[in-house]
C-alpha atoms as a PDB file:
ATOM      1  CA  MET A   1      14.430 -51.295 -28.202  1.00  0.00           C
ATOM      2  CA  GLY A   2      18.031 -51.092 -27.474  1.00  0.00           C
ATOM      3  CA  GLY A   3      18.045 -50.565 -23.513  1.00  0.00           C
ATOM      4  CA  VAL A   4      15.183 -48.277 -23.173  1.00  0.00           C
ATOM      5  CA  GLU A   5      12.392 -49.964 -21.369  1.00  0.00           C
ATOM      6  CA  ASP A   6       8.661 -49.026 -21.272  1.00  0.00           C
ATOM      7  CA  LEU A   7       8.066 -47.097 -18.046  1.00  0.00           C
ATOM      8  CA  GLU A   8       4.351 -47.193 -18.372  1.00  0.00           C
ATOM      9  CA  ARG A   9       1.760 -47.475 -21.138  1.00  0.00           C
ATOM     10  CA  GLY A  10      -1.461 -45.971 -21.681  1.00  0.00           C
ATOM     11  CA  GLU A  11      -2.612 -42.380 -22.088  1.00  0.00           C
ATOM     12  CA  GLN A  12      -1.843 -41.531 -18.709  1.00  0.00           C
ATOM     13  CA  GLY A  13       1.769 -42.483 -18.748  1.00  0.00           C
ATOM     14  CA  VAL A  14       5.110 -42.245 -20.369  1.00  0.00           C
ATOM     15  CA  TRP A  15       6.545 -44.505 -22.779  1.00  0.00           C
ATOM     16  CA  VAL A  16       9.448 -45.062 -24.986  1.00  0.00           C
ATOM     17  CA  ASN A  17       9.570 -46.268 -28.540  1.00  0.00           C
ATOM     18  CA  GLY A  18      11.472 -45.553 -31.823  1.00  0.00           C
ATOM     19  CA  ASP A  19      14.465 -46.980 -33.614  1.00  0.00           C
ATOM     20  CA  ASP A  20      18.094 -46.070 -34.063  1.00  0.00           C
ATOM     21  CA  GLN A  21      17.283 -43.015 -35.850  1.00  0.00           C
ATOM     22  CA  ARG A  22      14.923 -41.442 -33.543  1.00  0.00           C
ATOM     23  CA  ARG A  23      13.823 -42.125 -30.053  1.00  0.00           C
ATOM     24  CA  VAL A  24      10.208 -41.142 -29.229  1.00  0.00           C
ATOM     25  CA  VAL A  25       9.192 -40.293 -25.687  1.00  0.00           C
ATOM     26  CA  GLN A  26       5.397 -40.547 -25.438  1.00  0.00           C
ATOM     27  CA  VAL A  27       3.883 -38.310 -22.626  1.00  0.00           C
ATOM     28  CA  GLY A  28       0.077 -38.592 -21.752  1.00  0.00           C
ATOM     29  CA  GLY A  29      -2.292 -37.281 -19.096  1.00  0.00           C
ATOM     30  CA  GLU A  30      -0.944 -34.458 -16.483  1.00  0.00           C
ATOM     31  CA  MET A  31       2.450 -33.673 -16.064  1.00  0.00           C
ATOM     32  CA  ASP A  32       2.550 -32.405 -12.615  1.00  0.00           C
ATOM     33  CA  ILE A  33       4.876 -32.551  -9.639  1.00  0.00           C
ATOM     34  CA  ASP A  34       4.002 -36.196  -9.106  1.00  0.00           C
ATOM     35  CA  ARG A  35       4.455 -37.131 -12.682  1.00  0.00           C
ATOM     36  CA  ALA A  36       7.219 -35.205 -13.915  1.00  0.00           C
ATOM     37  CA  PRO A  37      10.092 -37.193 -12.731  1.00  0.00           C
ATOM     38  CA  MET A  38       8.663 -40.330 -14.702  1.00  0.00           C
ATOM     39  CA  MET A  39       8.957 -38.252 -17.756  1.00  0.00           C
ATOM     40  CA  TYR A  40      12.442 -37.009 -16.901  1.00  0.00           C
ATOM     41  CA  ASP A  41      13.607 -40.675 -16.094  1.00  0.00           C
ATOM     42  CA  ALA A  42      12.397 -41.819 -19.460  1.00  0.00           C
ATOM     43  CA  LEU A  43      14.022 -38.592 -21.030  1.00  0.00           C
ATOM     44  CA  GLN A  44      17.449 -39.361 -19.203  1.00  0.00           C
ATOM     45  CA  ALA A  45      17.274 -43.067 -20.076  1.00  0.00           C
ATOM     46  CA  ALA A  46      16.849 -41.958 -23.849  1.00  0.00           C
ATOM     47  CA  ILE A  47      19.540 -39.444 -23.731  1.00  0.00           C
ATOM     48  CA  THR A  48      22.168 -41.330 -22.014  1.00  0.00           C
ATOM     49  CA  GLU A  49      21.528 -44.585 -24.024  1.00  0.00           C
ATOM     50  CA  PRO A  50      24.844 -45.833 -25.537  1.00  0.00           C
ATOM     51  CA  ALA A  51      24.861 -45.634 -29.188  1.00  0.00           C
ATOM     52  CA  GLY A  52      21.315 -44.021 -28.900  1.00  0.00           C
ATOM     53  CA  SER A  53      19.886 -41.844 -31.530  1.00  0.00           C
ATOM     54  CA  ASP A  54      20.777 -38.258 -31.692  1.00  0.00           C
ATOM     55  CA  GLU A  55      17.321 -36.832 -31.688  1.00  0.00           C
ATOM     56  CA  ILE A  56      14.684 -37.673 -28.919  1.00  0.00           C
ATOM     57  CA  VAL A  57      11.290 -36.571 -29.766  1.00  0.00           C
ATOM     58  CA  VAL A  58       8.835 -35.875 -27.046  1.00  0.00           C
ATOM     59  CA  ASP A  59       5.420 -36.737 -28.207  1.00  0.00           C
ATOM     60  CA  LEU A  60       3.137 -34.453 -26.225  1.00  0.00           C
ATOM     61  CA  SER A  61      -0.188 -35.108 -28.316  1.00  0.00           C
ATOM     62  CA  ASP A  62      -1.827 -36.992 -25.589  1.00  0.00           C
ATOM     63  CA  LEU A  63      -0.771 -34.518 -22.774  1.00  0.00           C
ATOM     64  CA  SER A  64      -3.728 -32.791 -21.137  1.00  0.00           C
ATOM     65  CA  PHE A  65      -1.665 -30.405 -18.687  1.00  0.00           C
ATOM     66  CA  CYS A  66       1.647 -29.349 -17.748  1.00  0.00           C
ATOM     67  CA  ASP A  67       2.844 -27.332 -14.792  1.00  0.00           C
ATOM     68  CA  SER A  68       6.129 -26.025 -14.146  1.00  0.00           C
ATOM     69  CA  SER A  69       7.487 -29.129 -12.807  1.00  0.00           C
ATOM     70  CA  GLY A  70       6.877 -30.746 -16.235  1.00  0.00           C
ATOM     71  CA  LEU A  71       8.559 -27.579 -17.681  1.00  0.00           C
ATOM     72  CA  ASN A  72      11.391 -27.743 -15.581  1.00  0.00           C
ATOM     73  CA  ALA A  73      11.925 -31.464 -16.442  1.00  0.00           C
ATOM     74  CA  LEU A  74      12.065 -30.656 -20.053  1.00  0.00           C
ATOM     75  CA  ILE A  75      14.473 -28.055 -19.562  1.00  0.00           C
ATOM     76  CA  HIS A  76      16.642 -30.037 -17.551  1.00  0.00           C
ATOM     77  CA  ALA A  77      16.538 -33.163 -19.822  1.00  0.00           C
ATOM     78  CA  ARG A  78      17.369 -30.260 -22.693  1.00  0.00           C
ATOM     79  CA  GLN A  79      20.451 -29.499 -21.131  1.00  0.00           C
ATOM     80  CA  THR A  80      21.712 -33.144 -20.506  1.00  0.00           C
ATOM     81  CA  ALA A  81      20.974 -34.028 -23.909  1.00  0.00           C
ATOM     82  CA  ALA A  82      23.212 -30.824 -25.298  1.00  0.00           C
ATOM     83  CA  GLU A  83      25.943 -32.352 -23.212  1.00  0.00           C
ATOM     84  CA  HIS A  84      25.756 -35.680 -24.820  1.00  0.00           C
ATOM     85  CA  GLY A  85      25.546 -33.967 -28.178  1.00  0.00           C
ATOM     86  CA  ARG A  86      21.909 -34.782 -28.705  1.00  0.00           C
ATOM     87  CA  ARG A  87      18.843 -32.773 -28.967  1.00  0.00           C
ATOM     88  CA  ILE A  88      15.197 -32.779 -28.044  1.00  0.00           C
ATOM     89  CA  VAL A  89      12.234 -31.931 -30.222  1.00  0.00           C
ATOM     90  CA  LEU A  90       8.749 -31.205 -28.817  1.00  0.00           C
ATOM     91  CA  ARG A  91       5.954 -32.807 -31.048  1.00  0.00           C
ATOM     92  CA  THR A  92       2.588 -31.677 -30.977  1.00  0.00           C
ATOM     93  CA  PRO A  93       2.328 -29.874 -27.555  1.00  0.00           C
ATOM     94  CA  PRO A  94      -1.303 -28.907 -26.551  1.00  0.00           C
ATOM     95  CA  PRO A  95      -2.255 -25.223 -26.501  1.00  0.00           C
ATOM     96  CA  GLN A  96      -1.755 -24.795 -22.479  1.00  0.00           C
ATOM     97  CA  LEU A  97       1.838 -26.028 -22.943  1.00  0.00           C
ATOM     98  CA  ARG A  98       2.469 -23.729 -25.836  1.00  0.00           C
ATOM     99  CA  ARG A  99       1.598 -20.865 -23.706  1.00  0.00           C
ATOM    100  CA  LEU A 100       3.548 -22.064 -20.717  1.00  0.00           C
ATOM    101  CA  LEU A 101       6.660 -22.354 -23.175  1.00  0.00           C
ATOM    102  CA  GLU A 102       6.088 -18.843 -24.690  1.00  0.00           C
ATOM    103  CA  MET A 103       5.356 -16.881 -21.426  1.00  0.00           C
ATOM    104  CA  THR A 104       8.671 -18.624 -20.008  1.00  0.00           C
ATOM    105  CA  GLY A 105      10.687 -18.123 -23.188  1.00  0.00           C
ATOM    106  CA  ALA A 106      11.471 -21.770 -23.018  1.00  0.00           C
ATOM    107  CA  ASP A 107      10.024 -21.923 -26.568  1.00  0.00           C
ATOM    108  CA  ALA A 108      13.166 -20.773 -27.900  1.00  0.00           C
ATOM    109  CA  LEU A 109      15.017 -23.875 -26.381  1.00  0.00           C
ATOM    110  CA  PHE A 110      13.183 -26.431 -28.141  1.00  0.00           C
ATOM    111  CA  PRO A 111      12.437 -27.236 -31.917  1.00  0.00           C
ATOM    112  CA  ILE A 112       8.734 -27.805 -31.951  1.00  0.00           C
ATOM    113  CA  THR A 113       7.003 -29.576 -34.634  1.00  0.00           C
ATOM    114  CA  ASP A 114       3.334 -30.620 -35.341  1.00  0.00           C
ATOM    115  CA  SER A 115       4.111 -33.782 -37.164  1.00  0.00           C
END
């Protein structure tokens, strides 16, 4: 996988996969103050990987909840990605996270896809 290691596997965790074209960070379970650092660390590793992909997809299809800590981790990772000439795309955010993104205006910061 080119230097980015799995942090945890399973629907309650964060794991990284993909290829040179696109790195995918999959997030499952609840993303709260206890778990947001795990997601942030996975995003940081994908963003700062030398010769890594320009696009980091955060697959949120298995996410059941996200609080402000998870949103904050996404926003900070987006800033780091921009500094490295990379972008973060949110894939299939659940309705609860979509509402959080819209309420805070953060939906304007991320491309969002359902595929």
